[in-house]
Amino acid sequence: MIIRTRHFPPCGFKAITLFPVIFYKGDRVSESDLRHETVHLWQQAALLIVPFYILYIIFWIVGLLRYHDSYRAYREIPFERSAYALESLPRQTWWRQAFGWVRELGRIRNLPKDCNGGCA
């Protein structure tokens, strides 16, 4: 289910998935954003929903302590790295990639300097 809102998600983000709903703000959700959020639906279902949110928060806190930058902490969450990698792939491949985020554990990427210090 996809729901358009005016003020949610906050802080410059365009969309957020809270199983089983994708919330977006703006006139429309792009195909790329919809694919990204759908990947999160698969991830949440694969982890039986609640563990996904617990791990997501833990990964974000660890990233925040490590990088001292909330946006970089967000981009380094394995679920996000996996979703960004999968958002350009055909939908048929997503079910095979439900645990693709596991491969992202321990990988550190070099983000462009303009990604530091702010929301998406």
PDB file of N, CA and C in Angstrom:
ATOM      1  N   MET A   1       0.843  -1.164   0.000  1.00  0.00           N
ATOM      2  CA  MET A   1       0.000   0.000   0.000  1.00  0.00           C
ATOM      3  C   MET A   1       0.896   1.237   0.000  1.00  0.00           C
ATOM      4  N   ILE A   2       0.541   2.235  -0.776  1.00  0.00           N
ATOM      5  CA  ILE A   2       1.311   3.471  -0.889  1.00  0.00           C
ATOM      6  C   ILE A   2       0.409   4.634  -0.487  1.00  0.00           C
ATOM      7  N   ILE A   3       0.907   5.457   0.439  1.00  0.00           N
ATOM      8  CA  ILE A   3       0.119   6.589   0.940  1.00  0.00           C
ATOM      9  C   ILE A   3       0.906   7.875   0.773  1.00  0.00           C
ATOM     10  N   ARG A   4       0.280   8.871   0.185  1.00  0.00           N
ATOM     11  CA  ARG A   4       0.879  10.192   0.031  1.00  0.00           C
ATOM     12  C   ARG A   4       0.555  11.025   1.264  1.00  0.00           C
ATOM     13  N   THR A   5       1.577  11.705   1.808  1.00  0.00           N
ATOM     14  CA  THR A   5       1.379  12.564   2.976  1.00  0.00           C
ATOM     15  C   THR A   5       1.992  13.933   2.705  1.00  0.00           C
ATOM     16  N   ARG A   6       1.709  14.871   3.571  1.00  0.00           N
ATOM     17  CA  ARG A   6       2.265  16.217   3.404  1.00  0.00           C
ATOM     18  C   ARG A   6       3.544  16.438   4.215  1.00  0.00           C
ATOM     19  N   HIS A   7       3.618  15.846   5.413  1.00  0.00           N
ATOM     20  CA  HIS A   7       4.723  16.168   6.310  1.00  0.00           C
ATOM     21  C   HIS A   7       5.555  14.965   6.742  1.00  0.00           C
ATOM     22  N   PHE A   8       5.253  13.805   6.247  1.00  0.00           N
ATOM     23  CA  PHE A   8       5.967  12.599   6.656  1.00  0.00           C
ATOM     24  C   PHE A   8       6.419  11.872   5.411  1.00  0.00           C
ATOM     25  N   PRO A   9       7.624  11.467   5.285  1.00  0.00           N
ATOM     26  CA  PRO A   9       8.707  11.431   6.260  1.00  0.00           C
ATOM     27  C   PRO A   9       9.366  12.797   6.442  1.00  0.00           C
ATOM     28  N   PRO A  10      10.002  12.996   7.592  1.00  0.00           N
ATOM     29  CA  PRO A  10      10.613  14.293   7.911  1.00  0.00           C
ATOM     30  C   PRO A  10      12.010  14.447   7.336  1.00  0.00           C
ATOM     31  N   CYS A  11      12.594  15.607   7.546  1.00  0.00           N
ATOM     32  CA  CYS A  11      14.020  15.882   7.360  1.00  0.00           C
ATOM     33  C   CYS A  11      14.526  15.657   5.932  1.00  0.00           C
ATOM     34  N   GLY A  12      13.727  16.020   4.939  1.00  0.00           N
ATOM     35  CA  GLY A  12      14.209  15.957   3.571  1.00  0.00           C
ATOM     36  C   GLY A  12      14.115  14.607   2.881  1.00  0.00           C
ATOM     37  N   PHE A  13      13.697  13.576   3.574  1.00  0.00           N
ATOM     38  CA  PHE A  13      13.540  12.275   2.937  1.00  0.00           C
ATOM     39  C   PHE A  13      12.250  12.277   2.136  1.00  0.00           C
ATOM     40  N   LYS A  14      12.250  11.575   1.015  1.00  0.00           N
ATOM     41  CA  LYS A  14      11.088  11.570   0.123  1.00  0.00           C
ATOM     42  C   LYS A  14      10.094  10.466   0.450  1.00  0.00           C
ATOM     43  N   ALA A  15      10.590   9.346   0.995  1.00  0.00           N
ATOM     44  CA  ALA A  15       9.716   8.205   1.249  1.00  0.00           C
ATOM     45  C   ALA A  15      10.260   7.395   2.418  1.00  0.00           C
ATOM     46  N   ILE A  16       9.362   6.633   3.038  1.00  0.00           N
ATOM     47  CA  ILE A  16       9.741   5.744   4.132  1.00  0.00           C
ATOM     48  C   ILE A  16       8.792   4.547   4.115  1.00  0.00           C
ATOM     49  N   THR A  17       9.311   3.394   4.466  1.00  0.00           N
ATOM     50  CA  THR A  17       8.498   2.185   4.500  1.00  0.00           C
ATOM     51  C   THR A  17       8.330   1.727   5.931  1.00  0.00           C
ATOM     52  N   LEU A  18       7.102   1.662   6.371  1.00  0.00           N
ATOM     53  CA  LEU A  18       6.748   1.088   7.666  1.00  0.00           C
ATOM     54  C   LEU A  18       5.779  -0.042   7.358  1.00  0.00           C
ATOM     55  N   PHE A  19       6.300  -1.249   7.382  1.00  0.00           N
ATOM     56  CA  PHE A  19       5.588  -2.420   6.893  1.00  0.00           C
ATOM     57  C   PHE A  19       4.135  -2.413   7.335  1.00  0.00           C
ATOM     58  N   PRO A  20       3.211  -2.591   6.425  1.00  0.00           N
ATOM     59  CA  PRO A  20       3.291  -2.853   4.994  1.00  0.00           C
ATOM     60  C   PRO A  20       2.998  -1.623   4.128  1.00  0.00           C
ATOM     61  N   VAL A  21       3.295  -0.430   4.626  1.00  0.00           N
ATOM     62  CA  VAL A  21       2.919   0.797   3.930  1.00  0.00           C
ATOM     63  C   VAL A  21       4.159   1.589   3.521  1.00  0.00           C
ATOM     64  N   ILE A  22       4.125   2.120   2.306  1.00  0.00           N
ATOM     65  CA  ILE A  22       5.138   3.067   1.853  1.00  0.00           C
ATOM     66  C   ILE A  22       4.505   4.453   1.917  1.00  0.00           C
ATOM     67  N   PHE A  23       5.106   5.345   2.714  1.00  0.00           N
ATOM     68  CA  PHE A  23       4.649   6.723   2.821  1.00  0.00           C
ATOM     69  C   PHE A  23       5.575   7.588   1.990  1.00  0.00           C
ATOM     70  N   TYR A  24       5.014   8.529   1.248  1.00  0.00           N
ATOM     71  CA  TYR A  24       5.841   9.464   0.490  1.00  0.00           C
ATOM     72  C   TYR A  24       5.207  10.835   0.531  1.00  0.00           C
ATOM     73  N   LYS A  25       6.047  11.854   0.383  1.00  0.00           N
ATOM     74  CA  LYS A  25       5.515  13.207   0.294  1.00  0.00           C
ATOM     75  C   LYS A  25       5.914  13.803  -1.042  1.00  0.00           C
ATOM     76  N   GLY A  26       5.097  14.698  -1.493  1.00  0.00           N
ATOM     77  CA  GLY A  26       5.319  15.281  -2.809  1.00  0.00           C
ATOM     78  C   GLY A  26       4.171  14.927  -3.723  1.00  0.00           C
ATOM     79  N   ASP A  27       4.290  15.360  -4.966  1.00  0.00           N
ATOM     80  CA  ASP A  27       3.218  15.113  -5.930  1.00  0.00           C
ATOM     81  C   ASP A  27       3.138  13.655  -6.351  1.00  0.00           C
ATOM     82  N   ARG A  28       4.309  13.027  -6.502  1.00  0.00           N
ATOM     83  CA  ARG A  28       4.319  11.620  -6.889  1.00  0.00           C
ATOM     84  C   ARG A  28       5.623  10.994  -6.424  1.00  0.00           C
ATOM     85  N   VAL A  29       5.619   9.673  -6.343  1.00  0.00           N
ATOM     86  CA  VAL A  29       6.826   8.933  -5.978  1.00  0.00           C
ATOM     87  C   VAL A  29       7.483   8.447  -7.269  1.00  0.00           C
ATOM     88  N   SER A  30       8.787   8.634  -7.374  1.00  0.00           N
ATOM     89  CA  SER A  30       9.491   8.209  -8.586  1.00  0.00           C
ATOM     90  C   SER A  30       9.609   6.690  -8.619  1.00  0.00           C
ATOM     91  N   GLU A  31       9.830   6.149  -9.800  1.00  0.00           N
ATOM     92  CA  GLU A  31      10.015   4.697  -9.937  1.00  0.00           C
ATOM     93  C   GLU A  31      11.208   4.224  -9.123  1.00  0.00           C
ATOM     94  N   SER A  32      12.271   5.003  -9.151  1.00  0.00           N
ATOM     95  CA  SER A  32      13.477   4.638  -8.403  1.00  0.00           C
ATOM     96  C   SER A  32      13.194   4.601  -6.895  1.00  0.00           C
ATOM     97  N   ASP A  33      12.511   5.623  -6.388  1.00  0.00           N
ATOM     98  CA  ASP A  33      12.178   5.651  -4.956  1.00  0.00           C
ATOM     99  C   ASP A  33      11.222   4.520  -4.592  1.00  0.00           C
ATOM    100  N   LEU A  34      10.281   4.232  -5.470  1.00  0.00           N
ATOM    101  CA  LEU A  34       9.344   3.146  -5.212  1.00  0.00           C
ATOM    102  C   LEU A  34      10.068   1.802  -5.167  1.00  0.00           C
ATOM    103  N   ARG A  35      10.997   1.586  -6.093  1.00  0.00           N
ATOM    104  CA  ARG A  35      11.784   0.342  -6.063  1.00  0.00           C
ATOM    105  C   ARG A  35      12.614   0.260  -4.792  1.00  0.00           C
ATOM    106  N   HIS A  36      13.238   1.380  -4.395  1.00  0.00           N
ATOM    107  CA  HIS A  36      14.047   1.414  -3.180  1.00  0.00           C
ATOM    108  C   HIS A  36      13.203   1.023  -1.969  1.00  0.00           C
ATOM    109  N   GLU A  37      12.038   1.619  -1.848  1.00  0.00           N
ATOM    110  CA  GLU A  37      11.171   1.331  -0.698  1.00  0.00           C
ATOM    111  C   GLU A  37      10.601  -0.084  -0.762  1.00  0.00           C
ATOM    112  N   THR A  38      10.369  -0.590  -1.949  1.00  0.00           N
ATOM    113  CA  THR A  38       9.889  -1.966  -2.086  1.00  0.00           C
ATOM    114  C   THR A  38      10.960  -2.957  -1.647  1.00  0.00           C
ATOM    115  N   VAL A  39      12.212  -2.636  -1.915  1.00  0.00           N
ATOM    116  CA  VAL A  39      13.301  -3.478  -1.408  1.00  0.00           C
ATOM    117  C   VAL A  39      13.222  -3.541   0.113  1.00  0.00           C
ATOM    118  N   HIS A  40      12.952  -2.400   0.748  1.00  0.00           N
ATOM    119  CA  HIS A  40      12.809  -2.397   2.213  1.00  0.00           C
ATOM    120  C   HIS A  40      11.630  -3.269   2.668  1.00  0.00           C
ATOM    121  N   LEU A  41      10.552  -3.287   1.898  1.00  0.00           N
ATOM    122  CA  LEU A  41       9.441  -4.182   2.245  1.00  0.00           C
ATOM    123  C   LEU A  41       9.906  -5.630   2.258  1.00  0.00           C
ATOM    124  N   TRP A  42      10.670  -6.018   1.249  1.00  0.00           N
ATOM    125  CA  TRP A  42      11.207  -7.386   1.187  1.00  0.00           C
ATOM    126  C   TRP A  42      12.132  -7.657   2.363  1.00  0.00           C
ATOM    127  N   GLN A  43      12.994  -6.694   2.679  1.00  0.00           N
ATOM    128  CA  GLN A  43      13.911  -6.857   3.807  1.00  0.00           C
ATOM    129  C   GLN A  43      13.141  -7.028   5.111  1.00  0.00           C
ATOM    130  N   GLN A  44      12.126  -6.213   5.310  1.00  0.00           N
ATOM    131  CA  GLN A  44      11.333  -6.282   6.539  1.00  0.00           C
ATOM    132  C   GLN A  44      10.615  -7.615   6.642  1.00  0.00           C
ATOM    133  N   ALA A  45      10.042  -8.064   5.546  1.00  0.00           N
ATOM    134  CA  ALA A  45       9.338  -9.352   5.558  1.00  0.00           C
ATOM    135  C   ALA A  45      10.308 -10.501   5.819  1.00  0.00           C
ATOM    136  N   ALA A  46      11.497 -10.437   5.207  1.00  0.00           N
ATOM    137  CA  ALA A  46      12.483 -11.509   5.372  1.00  0.00           C
ATOM    138  C   ALA A  46      12.948 -11.630   6.821  1.00  0.00           C
ATOM    139  N   LEU A  47      12.969 -10.503   7.528  1.00  0.00           N
ATOM    140  CA  LEU A  47      13.408 -10.516   8.930  1.00  0.00           C
ATOM    141  C   LEU A  47      12.234 -10.516   9.912  1.00  0.00           C
ATOM    142  N   LEU A  48      11.030 -10.775   9.410  1.00  0.00           N
ATOM    143  CA  LEU A  48       9.826 -10.824  10.247  1.00  0.00           C
ATOM    144  C   LEU A  48       9.562  -9.496  10.949  1.00  0.00           C
ATOM    145  N   ILE A  49       9.809  -8.422  10.287  1.00  0.00           N
ATOM    146  CA  ILE A  49       9.460  -7.033  10.576  1.00  0.00           C
ATOM    147  C   ILE A  49      10.194  -6.428  11.781  1.00  0.00           C
ATOM    148  N   VAL A  50       9.888  -6.837  12.994  1.00  0.00           N
ATOM    149  CA  VAL A  50      10.448  -6.191  14.187  1.00  0.00           C
ATOM    150  C   VAL A  50      11.975  -6.275  14.238  1.00  0.00           C
ATOM    151  N   PRO A  51      12.589  -7.431  13.980  1.00  0.00           N
ATOM    152  CA  PRO A  51      14.055  -7.459  13.988  1.00  0.00           C
ATOM    153  C   PRO A  51      14.683  -6.497  12.979  1.00  0.00           C
ATOM    154  N   PHE A  52      14.006  -6.260  11.863  1.00  0.00           N
ATOM    155  CA  PHE A  52      14.512  -5.292  10.885  1.00  0.00           C
ATOM    156  C   PHE A  52      14.674  -3.927  11.537  1.00  0.00           C
ATOM    157  N   TYR A  53      13.645  -3.452  12.232  1.00  0.00           N
ATOM    158  CA  TYR A  53      13.691  -2.128  12.846  1.00  0.00           C
ATOM    159  C   TYR A  53      14.724  -2.061  13.962  1.00  0.00           C
ATOM    160  N   ILE A  54      14.849  -3.120  14.728  1.00  0.00           N
ATOM    161  CA  ILE A  54      15.859  -3.152  15.797  1.00  0.00           C
ATOM    162  C   ILE A  54      17.258  -3.053  15.194  1.00  0.00           C
ATOM    163  N   LEU A  55      17.525  -3.874  14.173  1.00  0.00           N
ATOM    164  CA  LEU A  55      18.837  -3.833  13.525  1.00  0.00           C
ATOM    165  C   LEU A  55      19.078  -2.490  12.839  1.00  0.00           C
ATOM    166  N   TYR A  56      18.061  -1.951  12.208  1.00  0.00           N
ATOM    167  CA  TYR A  56      18.190  -0.669  11.510  1.00  0.00           C
ATOM    168  C   TYR A  56      18.653   0.412  12.483  1.00  0.00           C
ATOM    169  N   ILE A  57      18.011   0.475  13.645  1.00  0.00           N
ATOM    170  CA  ILE A  57      18.362   1.479  14.648  1.00  0.00           C
ATOM    171  C   ILE A  57      19.768   1.238  15.189  1.00  0.00           C
ATOM    172  N   ILE A  58      20.101  -0.031  15.448  1.00  0.00           N
ATOM    173  CA  ILE A  58      21.451  -0.353  15.939  1.00  0.00           C
ATOM    174  C   ILE A  58      22.501   0.065  14.911  1.00  0.00           C
ATOM    175  N   PHE A  59      22.281  -0.285  13.634  1.00  0.00           N
ATOM    176  CA  PHE A  59      23.235   0.087  12.584  1.00  0.00           C
ATOM    177  C   PHE A  59      23.385   1.607  12.489  1.00  0.00           C
ATOM    178  N   TRP A  60      22.282   2.340  12.618  1.00  0.00           N
ATOM    179  CA  TRP A  60      22.342   3.797  12.534  1.00  0.00           C
ATOM    180  C   TRP A  60      23.116   4.379  13.720  1.00  0.00           C
ATOM    181  N   ILE A  61      22.864   3.887  14.921  1.00  0.00           N
ATOM    182  CA  ILE A  61      23.572   4.380  16.110  1.00  0.00           C
ATOM    183  C   ILE A  61      25.069   4.089  16.003  1.00  0.00           C
ATOM    184  N   VAL A  62      25.414   2.877  15.586  1.00  0.00           N
ATOM    185  CA  VAL A  62      26.835   2.533  15.404  1.00  0.00           C
ATOM    186  C   VAL A  62      27.468   3.458  14.363  1.00  0.00           C
ATOM    187  N   GLY A  63      26.773   3.703  13.271  1.00  0.00           N
ATOM    188  CA  GLY A  63      27.285   4.615  12.249  1.00  0.00           C
ATOM    189  C   GLY A  63      27.436   6.030  12.763  1.00  0.00           C
ATOM    190  N   LEU A  64      26.485   6.473  13.565  1.00  0.00           N
ATOM    191  CA  LEU A  64      26.549   7.817  14.134  1.00  0.00           C
ATOM    192  C   LEU A  64      27.749   7.948  15.066  1.00  0.00           C
ATOM    193  N   LEU A  65      27.990   6.936  15.890  1.00  0.00           N
ATOM    194  CA  LEU A  65      29.155   6.952  16.779  1.00  0.00           C
ATOM    195  C   LEU A  65      30.458   6.889  15.982  1.00  0.00           C
ATOM    196  N   ARG A  66      30.414   6.170  14.884  1.00  0.00           N
ATOM    197  CA  ARG A  66      31.622   5.987  14.070  1.00  0.00           C
ATOM    198  C   ARG A  66      31.950   7.205  13.222  1.00  0.00           C
ATOM    199  N   TYR A  67      30.936   7.798  12.580  1.00  0.00           N
ATOM    200  CA  TYR A  67      31.162   8.868  11.608  1.00  0.00           C
ATOM    201  C   TYR A  67      30.812  10.265  12.116  1.00  0.00           C
ATOM    202  N   HIS A  68      30.073  10.370  13.219  1.00  0.00           N
ATOM    203  CA  HIS A  68      29.648  11.666  13.766  1.00  0.00           C
ATOM    204  C   HIS A  68      28.902  12.490  12.718  1.00  0.00           C
ATOM    205  N   ASP A  69      28.118  11.808  11.906  1.00  0.00           N
ATOM    206  CA  ASP A  69      27.392  12.438  10.805  1.00  0.00           C
ATOM    207  C   ASP A  69      26.130  11.612  10.566  1.00  0.00           C
ATOM    208  N   SER A  70      24.970  12.192  10.839  1.00  0.00           N
ATOM    209  CA  SER A  70      23.729  11.427  10.754  1.00  0.00           C
ATOM    210  C   SER A  70      23.428  10.944   9.341  1.00  0.00           C
ATOM    211  N   TYR A  71      23.738  11.775   8.323  1.00  0.00           N
ATOM    212  CA  TYR A  71      23.460  11.356   6.950  1.00  0.00           C
ATOM    213  C   TYR A  71      24.374  10.213   6.531  1.00  0.00           C
ATOM    214  N   ARG A  72      25.646  10.313   6.866  1.00  0.00           N
ATOM    215  CA  ARG A  72      26.561   9.216   6.518  1.00  0.00           C
ATOM    216  C   ARG A  72      26.167   7.954   7.282  1.00  0.00           C
ATOM    217  N   ALA A  73      25.774   8.099   8.553  1.00  0.00           N
ATOM    218  CA  ALA A  73      25.329   6.940   9.334  1.00  0.00           C
ATOM    219  C   ALA A  73      24.146   6.263   8.636  1.00  0.00           C
ATOM    220  N   TYR A  74      23.212   7.076   8.121  1.00  0.00           N
ATOM    221  CA  TYR A  74      22.068   6.549   7.379  1.00  0.00           C
ATOM    222  C   TYR A  74      22.519   5.819   6.115  1.00  0.00           C
ATOM    223  N   ARG A  75      23.407   6.451   5.329  1.00  0.00           N
ATOM    224  CA  ARG A  75      23.840   5.849   4.066  1.00  0.00           C
ATOM    225  C   ARG A  75      24.657   4.579   4.269  1.00  0.00           C
ATOM    226  N   GLU A  76      25.297   4.424   5.432  1.00  0.00           N
ATOM    227  CA  GLU A  76      26.116   3.253   5.711  1.00  0.00           C
ATOM    228  C   GLU A  76      25.323   2.094   6.327  1.00  0.00           C
ATOM    229  N   ILE A  77      24.042   2.287   6.612  1.00  0.00           N
ATOM    230  CA  ILE A  77      23.218   1.180   7.117  1.00  0.00           C
ATOM    231  C   ILE A  77      23.179   0.105   6.035  1.00  0.00           C
ATOM    232  N   PRO A  78      23.512  -1.138   6.374  1.00  0.00           N
ATOM    233  CA  PRO A  78      23.528  -2.197   5.347  1.00  0.00           C
ATOM    234  C   PRO A  78      22.222  -2.319   4.574  1.00  0.00           C
ATOM    235  N   PHE A  79      21.076  -2.134   5.225  1.00  0.00           N
ATOM    236  CA  PHE A  79      19.792  -2.204   4.530  1.00  0.00           C
ATOM    237  C   PHE A  79      19.701  -1.114   3.458  1.00  0.00           C
ATOM    238  N   GLU A  80      20.187   0.084   3.772  1.00  0.00           N
ATOM    239  CA  GLU A  80      20.142   1.182   2.809  1.00  0.00           C
ATOM    240  C   GLU A  80      21.101   0.945   1.654  1.00  0.00           C
ATOM    241  N   ARG A  81      22.299   0.494   1.950  1.00  0.00           N
ATOM    242  CA  ARG A  81      23.258   0.225   0.880  1.00  0.00           C
ATOM    243  C   ARG A  81      22.712  -0.833  -0.067  1.00  0.00           C
ATOM    244  N   SER A  82      22.096  -1.854   0.495  1.00  0.00           N
ATOM    245  CA  SER A  82      21.509  -2.907  -0.328  1.00  0.00           C
ATOM    246  C   SER A  82      20.353  -2.353  -1.167  1.00  0.00           C
ATOM    247  N   ALA A  83      19.480  -1.559  -0.549  1.00  0.00           N
ATOM    248  CA  ALA A  83      18.331  -1.000  -1.278  1.00  0.00           C
ATOM    249  C   ALA A  83      18.786  -0.067  -2.391  1.00  0.00           C
ATOM    250  N   TYR A  84      19.801   0.756  -2.133  1.00  0.00           N
ATOM    251  CA  TYR A  84      20.317   1.627  -3.190  1.00  0.00           C
ATOM    252  C   TYR A  84      20.911   0.808  -4.327  1.00  0.00           C
ATOM    253  N   ALA A  85      21.584  -0.283  -3.991  1.00  0.00           N
ATOM    254  CA  ALA A  85      22.174  -1.143  -5.025  1.00  0.00           C
ATOM    255  C   ALA A  85      21.098  -1.854  -5.843  1.00  0.00           C
ATOM    256  N   LEU A  86      20.002  -2.228  -5.199  1.00  0.00           N
ATOM    257  CA  LEU A  86      18.955  -3.006  -5.870  1.00  0.00           C
ATOM    258  C   LEU A  86      17.898  -2.155  -6.572  1.00  0.00           C
ATOM    259  N   GLU A  87      17.829  -0.860  -6.254  1.00  0.00           N
ATOM    260  CA  GLU A  87      16.727  -0.058  -6.796  1.00  0.00           C
ATOM    261  C   GLU A  87      16.744   0.052  -8.307  1.00  0.00           C
ATOM    262  N   SER A  88      17.876  -0.227  -8.928  1.00  0.00           N
ATOM    263  CA  SER A  88      17.937  -0.138 -10.390  1.00  0.00           C
ATOM    264  C   SER A  88      17.730  -1.494 -11.070  1.00  0.00           C
ATOM    265  N   LEU A  89      17.597  -2.553 -10.291  1.00  0.00           N
ATOM    266  CA  LEU A  89      17.427  -3.892 -10.864  1.00  0.00           C
ATOM    267  C   LEU A  89      15.954  -4.214 -11.099  1.00  0.00           C
ATOM    268  N   PRO A  90      15.672  -5.145 -12.001  1.00  0.00           N
ATOM    269  CA  PRO A  90      14.281  -5.562 -12.215  1.00  0.00           C
ATOM    270  C   PRO A  90      13.691  -6.194 -10.959  1.00  0.00           C
ATOM    271  N   ARG A  91      12.411  -6.018 -10.785  1.00  0.00           N
ATOM    272  CA  ARG A  91      11.713  -6.497  -9.587  1.00  0.00           C
ATOM    273  C   ARG A  91      11.884  -8.004  -9.369  1.00  0.00           C
ATOM    274  N   GLN A  92      11.991  -8.785 -10.448  1.00  0.00           N
ATOM    275  CA  GLN A  92      12.091 -10.238 -10.332  1.00  0.00           C
ATOM    276  C   GLN A  92      13.324 -10.673  -9.536  1.00  0.00           C
ATOM    277  N   THR A  93      14.349  -9.848  -9.507  1.00  0.00           N
ATOM    278  CA  THR A  93      15.581 -10.236  -8.817  1.00  0.00           C
ATOM    279  C   THR A  93      15.541  -9.933  -7.325  1.00  0.00           C
ATOM    280  N   TRP A  94      14.586  -9.146  -6.871  1.00  0.00           N
ATOM    281  CA  TRP A  94      14.574  -8.711  -5.473  1.00  0.00           C
ATOM    282  C   TRP A  94      14.406  -9.862  -4.502  1.00  0.00           C
ATOM    283  N   TRP A  95      13.541 -10.812  -4.815  1.00  0.00           N
ATOM    284  CA  TRP A  95      13.293 -11.891  -3.858  1.00  0.00           C
ATOM    285  C   TRP A  95      14.552 -12.691  -3.614  1.00  0.00           C
ATOM    286  N   ARG A  96      15.427 -12.789  -4.639  1.00  0.00           N
ATOM    287  CA  ARG A  96      16.694 -13.502  -4.458  1.00  0.00           C
ATOM    288  C   ARG A  96      17.676 -12.683  -3.637  1.00  0.00           C
ATOM    289  N   GLN A  97      17.441 -11.409  -3.529  1.00  0.00           N
ATOM    290  CA  GLN A  97      18.365 -10.505  -2.856  1.00  0.00           C
ATOM    291  C   GLN A  97      17.878 -10.072  -1.472  1.00  0.00           C
ATOM    292  N   ALA A  98      16.882 -10.745  -0.918  1.00  0.00           N
ATOM    293  CA  ALA A  98      16.299 -10.319   0.354  1.00  0.00           C
ATOM    294  C   ALA A  98      17.348 -10.167   1.452  1.00  0.00           C
ATOM    295  N   PHE A  99      18.387 -10.990   1.416  1.00  0.00           N
ATOM    296  CA  PHE A  99      19.434 -10.891   2.420  1.00  0.00           C
ATOM    297  C   PHE A  99      20.723 -10.314   1.843  1.00  0.00           C
ATOM    298  N   GLY A 100      20.608  -9.571   0.753  1.00  0.00           N
ATOM    299  CA  GLY A 100      21.771  -8.935   0.157  1.00  0.00           C
ATOM    300  C   GLY A 100      22.436  -7.947   1.096  1.00  0.00           C
ATOM    301  N   TRP A 101      21.679  -7.417   2.058  1.00  0.00           N
ATOM    302  CA  TRP A 101      22.235  -6.473   3.018  1.00  0.00           C
ATOM    303  C   TRP A 101      23.315  -7.119   3.880  1.00  0.00           C
ATOM    304  N   VAL A 102      23.270  -8.455   4.038  1.00  0.00           N
ATOM    305  CA  VAL A 102      24.263  -9.142   4.853  1.00  0.00           C
ATOM    306  C   VAL A 102      25.661  -8.946   4.254  1.00  0.00           C
ATOM    307  N   ARG A 103      25.744  -8.938   2.918  1.00  0.00           N
ATOM    308  CA  ARG A 103      27.032  -8.725   2.258  1.00  0.00           C
ATOM    309  C   ARG A 103      27.591  -7.333   2.540  1.00  0.00           C
ATOM    310  N   GLU A 104      26.703  -6.405   2.888  1.00  0.00           N
ATOM    311  CA  GLU A 104      27.137  -5.032   3.126  1.00  0.00           C
ATOM    312  C   GLU A 104      27.740  -4.844   4.521  1.00  0.00           C
ATOM    313  N   LEU A 105      27.579  -5.815   5.398  1.00  0.00           N
ATOM    314  CA  LEU A 105      28.151  -5.702   6.735  1.00  0.00           C
ATOM    315  C   LEU A 105      29.664  -5.613   6.640  1.00  0.00           C
ATOM    316  N   GLY A 106      30.230  -4.695   7.347  1.00  0.00           N
ATOM    317  CA  GLY A 106      31.677  -4.567   7.374  1.00  0.00           C
ATOM    318  C   GLY A 106      32.288  -3.803   6.232  1.00  0.00           C
ATOM    319  N   ARG A 107      31.509  -3.450   5.233  1.00  0.00           N
ATOM    320  CA  ARG A 107      32.039  -2.675   4.104  1.00  0.00           C
ATOM    321  C   ARG A 107      31.955  -1.186   4.437  1.00  0.00           C
ATOM    322  N   ILE A 108      33.029  -0.491   4.197  1.00  0.00           N
ATOM    323  CA  ILE A 108      33.052   0.956   4.394  1.00  0.00           C
ATOM    324  C   ILE A 108      33.233   1.589   3.023  1.00  0.00           C
ATOM    325  N   ARG A 109      32.339   2.515   2.720  1.00  0.00           N
ATOM    326  CA  ARG A 109      32.420   3.183   1.426  1.00  0.00           C
ATOM    327  C   ARG A 109      32.936   4.598   1.619  1.00  0.00           C
ATOM    328  N   ASN A 110      33.521   5.129   0.589  1.00  0.00           N
ATOM    329  CA  ASN A 110      33.946   6.525   0.590  1.00  0.00           C
ATOM    330  C   ASN A 110      32.855   7.334  -0.094  1.00  0.00           C
ATOM    331  N   LEU A 111      32.091   8.087   0.700  1.00  0.00           N
ATOM    332  CA  LEU A 111      31.036   8.926   0.152  1.00  0.00           C
ATOM    333  C   LEU A 111      31.638  10.244  -0.312  1.00  0.00           C
ATOM    334  N   PRO A 112      31.020  10.869  -1.315  1.00  0.00           N
ATOM    335  CA  PRO A 112      31.476  12.199  -1.718  1.00  0.00           C
ATOM    336  C   PRO A 112      31.397  13.164  -0.541  1.00  0.00           C
ATOM    337  N   LYS A 113      32.274  14.144  -0.488  1.00  0.00           N
ATOM    338  CA  LYS A 113      32.306  15.078   0.627  1.00  0.00           C
ATOM    339  C   LYS A 113      31.011  15.853   0.783  1.00  0.00           C
ATOM    340  N   ASP A 114      30.256  16.073  -0.301  1.00  0.00           N
ATOM    341  CA  ASP A 114      29.013  16.821  -0.191  1.00  0.00           C
ATOM    342  C   ASP A 114      27.894  16.036   0.473  1.00  0.00           C
ATOM    343  N   CYS A 115      28.110  14.752   0.776  1.00  0.00           N
ATOM    344  CA  CYS A 115      27.104  13.948   1.473  1.00  0.00           C
ATOM    345  C   CYS A 115      27.191  14.130   2.982  1.00  0.00           C
ATOM    346  N   ASN A 116      28.237  14.726   3.469  1.00  0.00           N
ATOM    347  CA  ASN A 116      28.433  14.848   4.908  1.00  0.00           C
ATOM    348  C   ASN A 116      27.626  16.008   5.483  1.00  0.00           C
ATOM    349  N   GLY A 117      27.084  15.772   6.664  1.00  0.00           N
ATOM    350  CA  GLY A 117      26.497  16.856   7.433  1.00  0.00           C
ATOM    351  C   GLY A 117      25.093  17.269   7.072  1.00  0.00           C
ATOM    352  N   GLY A 118      24.239  16.359   6.656  1.00  0.00           N
ATOM    353  CA  GLY A 118      22.875  16.785   6.389  1.00  0.00           C
ATOM    354  C   GLY A 118      21.967  15.642   6.021  1.00  0.00           C
ATOM    355  N   CYS A 119      20.696  15.981   5.898  1.00  0.00           N
ATOM    356  CA  CYS A 119      19.703  14.991   5.505  1.00  0.00           C
ATOM    357  C   CYS A 119      19.720  14.814   4.005  1.00  0.00           C
ATOM    358  N   ALA A 120      19.118  13.706   3.553  1.00  0.00           N
ATOM    359  CA  ALA A 120      19.045  13.425   2.118  1.00  0.00           C
ATOM    360  C   ALA A 120      18.204  14.453   1.414  1.00  0.00           C
TER     361      ALA A 120
END
